[in-house]
Amino acid sequence: MTKTKVFLQAINDVKEFVTIVMHYDFDIDLVSGRYAVDAKSIMGIFSLDLSKPIELDAHTDDAEDFLKKIDKFIVK
């Protein structure tokens, strides 16, 4: 599993993020506090607190390409 933090500041960020995530076959979860949602679900993402960074869990060992695609959302 690959873990990182992402920050989705605006509605357009969420739309772009979900569009990218949909291209990958492996499961990707966003975790905020005790809530975890499918990162491919726009409605699920909007149920989280987007005012702060969110933990991303990608259930794959080969996430290099995926991480490059979402680089602008990753908290460094």
N, C-alpha and C. Protein backbone atom coordinates (compact mmCIF):
# COMPACT_ATOMS: atom_id res chain seq x y z
N MET A 1 0.84 -1.18 0.00
CA MET A 1 0.00 0.00 0.00
C MET A 1 0.89 1.25 0.00
N THR A 2 0.44 2.26 -0.71
CA THR A 2 1.14 3.53 -0.79
C THR A 2 0.31 4.58 -0.08
N LYS A 3 0.95 5.36 0.81
CA LYS A 3 0.23 6.40 1.56
C LYS A 3 0.86 7.75 1.29
N THR A 4 0.02 8.78 1.20
CA THR A 4 0.48 10.15 1.07
C THR A 4 -0.65 11.06 1.54
N LYS A 5 -0.40 12.35 1.58
CA LYS A 5 -1.45 13.31 1.94
C LYS A 5 -1.75 14.17 0.73
N VAL A 6 -3.04 14.45 0.52
CA VAL A 6 -3.45 15.31 -0.58
C VAL A 6 -4.31 16.45 -0.02
N PHE A 7 -4.33 17.56 -0.78
CA PHE A 7 -5.14 18.71 -0.40
C PHE A 7 -5.97 19.13 -1.60
N LEU A 8 -7.28 19.04 -1.46
CA LEU A 8 -8.22 19.39 -2.52
C LEU A 8 -8.94 20.66 -2.09
N GLN A 9 -8.49 21.80 -2.62
CA GLN A 9 -8.95 23.09 -2.12
C GLN A 9 -10.27 23.55 -2.72
N ALA A 10 -10.53 23.20 -3.98
CA ALA A 10 -11.70 23.74 -4.67
C ALA A 10 -12.50 22.62 -5.35
N ILE A 11 -13.71 22.94 -5.75
CA ILE A 11 -14.56 21.97 -6.44
C ILE A 11 -13.87 21.44 -7.69
N ASN A 12 -13.21 22.32 -8.44
CA ASN A 12 -12.52 21.88 -9.65
C ASN A 12 -11.37 20.94 -9.34
N ASP A 13 -10.71 21.12 -8.19
CA ASP A 13 -9.65 20.20 -7.77
C ASP A 13 -10.22 18.80 -7.56
N VAL A 14 -11.39 18.72 -6.91
CA VAL A 14 -12.02 17.43 -6.66
C VAL A 14 -12.39 16.76 -7.98
N LYS A 15 -12.97 17.51 -8.90
CA LYS A 15 -13.35 16.95 -10.21
C LYS A 15 -12.13 16.42 -10.95
N GLU A 16 -11.07 17.22 -11.00
CA GLU A 16 -9.85 16.80 -11.69
C GLU A 16 -9.23 15.58 -11.03
N PHE A 17 -9.19 15.58 -9.70
CA PHE A 17 -8.63 14.47 -8.94
C PHE A 17 -9.39 13.17 -9.24
N VAL A 18 -10.72 13.21 -9.19
CA VAL A 18 -11.53 12.02 -9.44
C VAL A 18 -11.34 11.54 -10.88
N THR A 19 -11.24 12.46 -11.83
CA THR A 19 -11.02 12.08 -13.23
C THR A 19 -9.71 11.29 -13.37
N ILE A 20 -8.67 11.73 -12.69
CA ILE A 20 -7.38 11.03 -12.73
C ILE A 20 -7.50 9.66 -12.06
N VAL A 21 -8.08 9.63 -10.87
CA VAL A 21 -8.18 8.41 -10.07
C VAL A 21 -8.97 7.32 -10.80
N MET A 22 -9.99 7.71 -11.56
CA MET A 22 -10.84 6.75 -12.27
C MET A 22 -10.06 5.91 -13.28
N HIS A 23 -8.90 6.37 -13.72
CA HIS A 23 -8.11 5.64 -14.72
C HIS A 23 -7.31 4.47 -14.14
N TYR A 24 -7.36 4.29 -12.83
CA TYR A 24 -6.56 3.24 -12.19
C TYR A 24 -7.46 2.14 -11.64
N ASP A 25 -7.03 0.89 -11.84
CA ASP A 25 -7.82 -0.28 -11.45
C ASP A 25 -7.75 -0.59 -9.96
N PHE A 26 -6.69 -0.18 -9.30
CA PHE A 26 -6.55 -0.51 -7.88
C PHE A 26 -7.42 0.41 -7.02
N ASP A 27 -7.71 -0.06 -5.80
CA ASP A 27 -8.53 0.71 -4.87
C ASP A 27 -7.73 1.88 -4.30
N ILE A 28 -8.39 3.01 -4.18
CA ILE A 28 -7.78 4.21 -3.60
C ILE A 28 -8.78 4.79 -2.61
N ASP A 29 -8.34 4.96 -1.38
CA ASP A 29 -9.21 5.49 -0.33
C ASP A 29 -8.68 6.84 0.15
N LEU A 30 -9.60 7.69 0.58
CA LEU A 30 -9.25 8.93 1.25
C LEU A 30 -9.73 8.80 2.69
N VAL A 31 -8.85 9.10 3.64
CA VAL A 31 -9.15 8.93 5.06
C VAL A 31 -9.03 10.28 5.77
N SER A 32 -10.10 10.68 6.44
CA SER A 32 -10.12 11.91 7.21
C SER A 32 -10.69 11.58 8.59
N GLY A 33 -9.82 11.60 9.59
CA GLY A 33 -10.26 11.20 10.93
C GLY A 33 -10.65 9.74 10.93
N ARG A 34 -11.87 9.44 11.33
CA ARG A 34 -12.32 8.04 11.35
C ARG A 34 -13.14 7.67 10.12
N TYR A 35 -13.22 8.58 9.16
CA TYR A 35 -13.99 8.33 7.94
C TYR A 35 -13.08 7.97 6.78
N ALA A 36 -13.44 6.94 6.04
CA ALA A 36 -12.72 6.56 4.84
C ALA A 36 -13.72 6.45 3.70
N VAL A 37 -13.37 7.06 2.55
CA VAL A 37 -14.25 7.01 1.39
C VAL A 37 -13.45 6.57 0.16
N ASP A 38 -14.17 6.06 -0.82
CA ASP A 38 -13.58 5.69 -2.10
C ASP A 38 -13.18 6.97 -2.82
N ALA A 39 -11.92 7.08 -3.23
CA ALA A 39 -11.43 8.28 -3.91
C ALA A 39 -12.04 8.44 -5.30
N LYS A 40 -12.75 7.43 -5.78
CA LYS A 40 -13.40 7.53 -7.09
C LYS A 40 -14.82 8.07 -6.98
N SER A 41 -15.22 8.43 -5.76
CA SER A 41 -16.57 8.91 -5.50
C SER A 41 -16.56 10.41 -5.17
N ILE A 42 -17.08 11.21 -6.09
CA ILE A 42 -17.15 12.66 -5.85
C ILE A 42 -17.99 12.94 -4.61
N MET A 43 -19.12 12.28 -4.49
CA MET A 43 -19.99 12.50 -3.33
C MET A 43 -19.28 12.11 -2.03
N GLY A 44 -18.55 11.02 -2.07
CA GLY A 44 -17.81 10.60 -0.89
C GLY A 44 -16.77 11.62 -0.47
N ILE A 45 -16.06 12.17 -1.44
CA ILE A 45 -15.02 13.16 -1.15
C ILE A 45 -15.64 14.41 -0.53
N PHE A 46 -16.79 14.84 -1.06
CA PHE A 46 -17.43 16.04 -0.52
C PHE A 46 -18.00 15.82 0.88
N SER A 47 -18.08 14.57 1.33
CA SER A 47 -18.55 14.30 2.69
C SER A 47 -17.42 14.47 3.71
N LEU A 48 -16.17 14.63 3.22
CA LEU A 48 -15.02 14.79 4.11
C LEU A 48 -14.76 16.27 4.40
N ASP A 49 -13.95 16.53 5.40
CA ASP A 49 -13.53 17.89 5.73
C ASP A 49 -12.39 18.27 4.79
N LEU A 50 -12.70 19.11 3.80
CA LEU A 50 -11.71 19.47 2.79
C LEU A 50 -10.90 20.71 3.16
N SER A 51 -11.06 21.18 4.39
CA SER A 51 -10.33 22.38 4.81
C SER A 51 -8.89 22.06 5.23
N LYS A 52 -8.56 20.78 5.29
CA LYS A 52 -7.21 20.37 5.65
C LYS A 52 -6.80 19.18 4.79
N PRO A 53 -5.49 18.86 4.76
CA PRO A 53 -5.03 17.71 3.96
C PRO A 53 -5.69 16.40 4.40
N ILE A 54 -5.85 15.51 3.44
CA ILE A 54 -6.51 14.21 3.64
C ILE A 54 -5.50 13.11 3.32
N GLU A 55 -5.52 12.05 4.12
CA GLU A 55 -4.63 10.92 3.86
C GLU A 55 -5.17 10.10 2.68
N LEU A 56 -4.29 9.76 1.76
CA LEU A 56 -4.64 8.93 0.61
C LEU A 56 -3.96 7.57 0.76
N ASP A 57 -4.73 6.50 0.62
CA ASP A 57 -4.20 5.13 0.67
C ASP A 57 -4.46 4.48 -0.69
N ALA A 58 -3.39 4.23 -1.44
CA ALA A 58 -3.50 3.54 -2.73
C ALA A 58 -3.11 2.09 -2.50
N HIS A 59 -4.02 1.18 -2.78
CA HIS A 59 -3.81 -0.24 -2.50
C HIS A 59 -3.08 -0.91 -3.66
N THR A 60 -1.83 -0.50 -3.83
CA THR A 60 -0.96 -1.06 -4.86
C THR A 60 0.49 -0.84 -4.44
N ASP A 61 1.38 -1.67 -4.96
CA ASP A 61 2.80 -1.48 -4.70
C ASP A 61 3.47 -0.73 -5.84
N ASP A 62 2.73 -0.51 -6.93
CA ASP A 62 3.27 0.17 -8.11
C ASP A 62 2.48 1.45 -8.38
N ALA A 63 2.70 2.45 -7.54
CA ALA A 63 1.93 3.69 -7.62
C ALA A 63 2.72 4.85 -8.22
N GLU A 64 3.89 4.58 -8.78
CA GLU A 64 4.76 5.65 -9.26
C GLU A 64 4.07 6.54 -10.30
N ASP A 65 3.46 5.93 -11.32
CA ASP A 65 2.77 6.71 -12.36
C ASP A 65 1.59 7.48 -11.76
N PHE A 66 0.83 6.82 -10.90
CA PHE A 66 -0.32 7.46 -10.25
C PHE A 66 0.12 8.69 -9.46
N LEU A 67 1.19 8.56 -8.67
CA LEU A 67 1.67 9.67 -7.86
C LEU A 67 2.15 10.84 -8.71
N LYS A 68 2.73 10.54 -9.88
CA LYS A 68 3.13 11.62 -10.80
C LYS A 68 1.91 12.38 -11.31
N LYS A 69 0.84 11.65 -11.60
CA LYS A 69 -0.38 12.28 -12.14
C LYS A 69 -1.06 13.18 -11.10
N ILE A 70 -1.00 12.80 -9.83
CA ILE A 70 -1.67 13.60 -8.80
C ILE A 70 -0.71 14.51 -8.04
N ASP A 71 0.49 14.71 -8.57
CA ASP A 71 1.53 15.46 -7.89
C ASP A 71 1.07 16.84 -7.42
N LYS A 72 0.26 17.54 -8.20
CA LYS A 72 -0.16 18.90 -7.83
C LYS A 72 -1.05 18.92 -6.59
N PHE A 73 -1.63 17.77 -6.23
CA PHE A 73 -2.50 17.69 -5.05
C PHE A 73 -1.78 17.18 -3.81
N ILE A 74 -0.57 16.64 -3.99
CA ILE A 74 0.18 16.04 -2.87
C ILE A 74 0.76 17.13 -1.98
N VAL A 75 0.57 16.96 -0.68
CA VAL A 75 1.14 17.89 0.31
C VAL A 75 2.60 17.49 0.54
N LYS A 76 3.48 18.44 0.31
CA LYS A 76 4.91 18.13 0.43
C LYS A 76 5.48 18.71 1.70
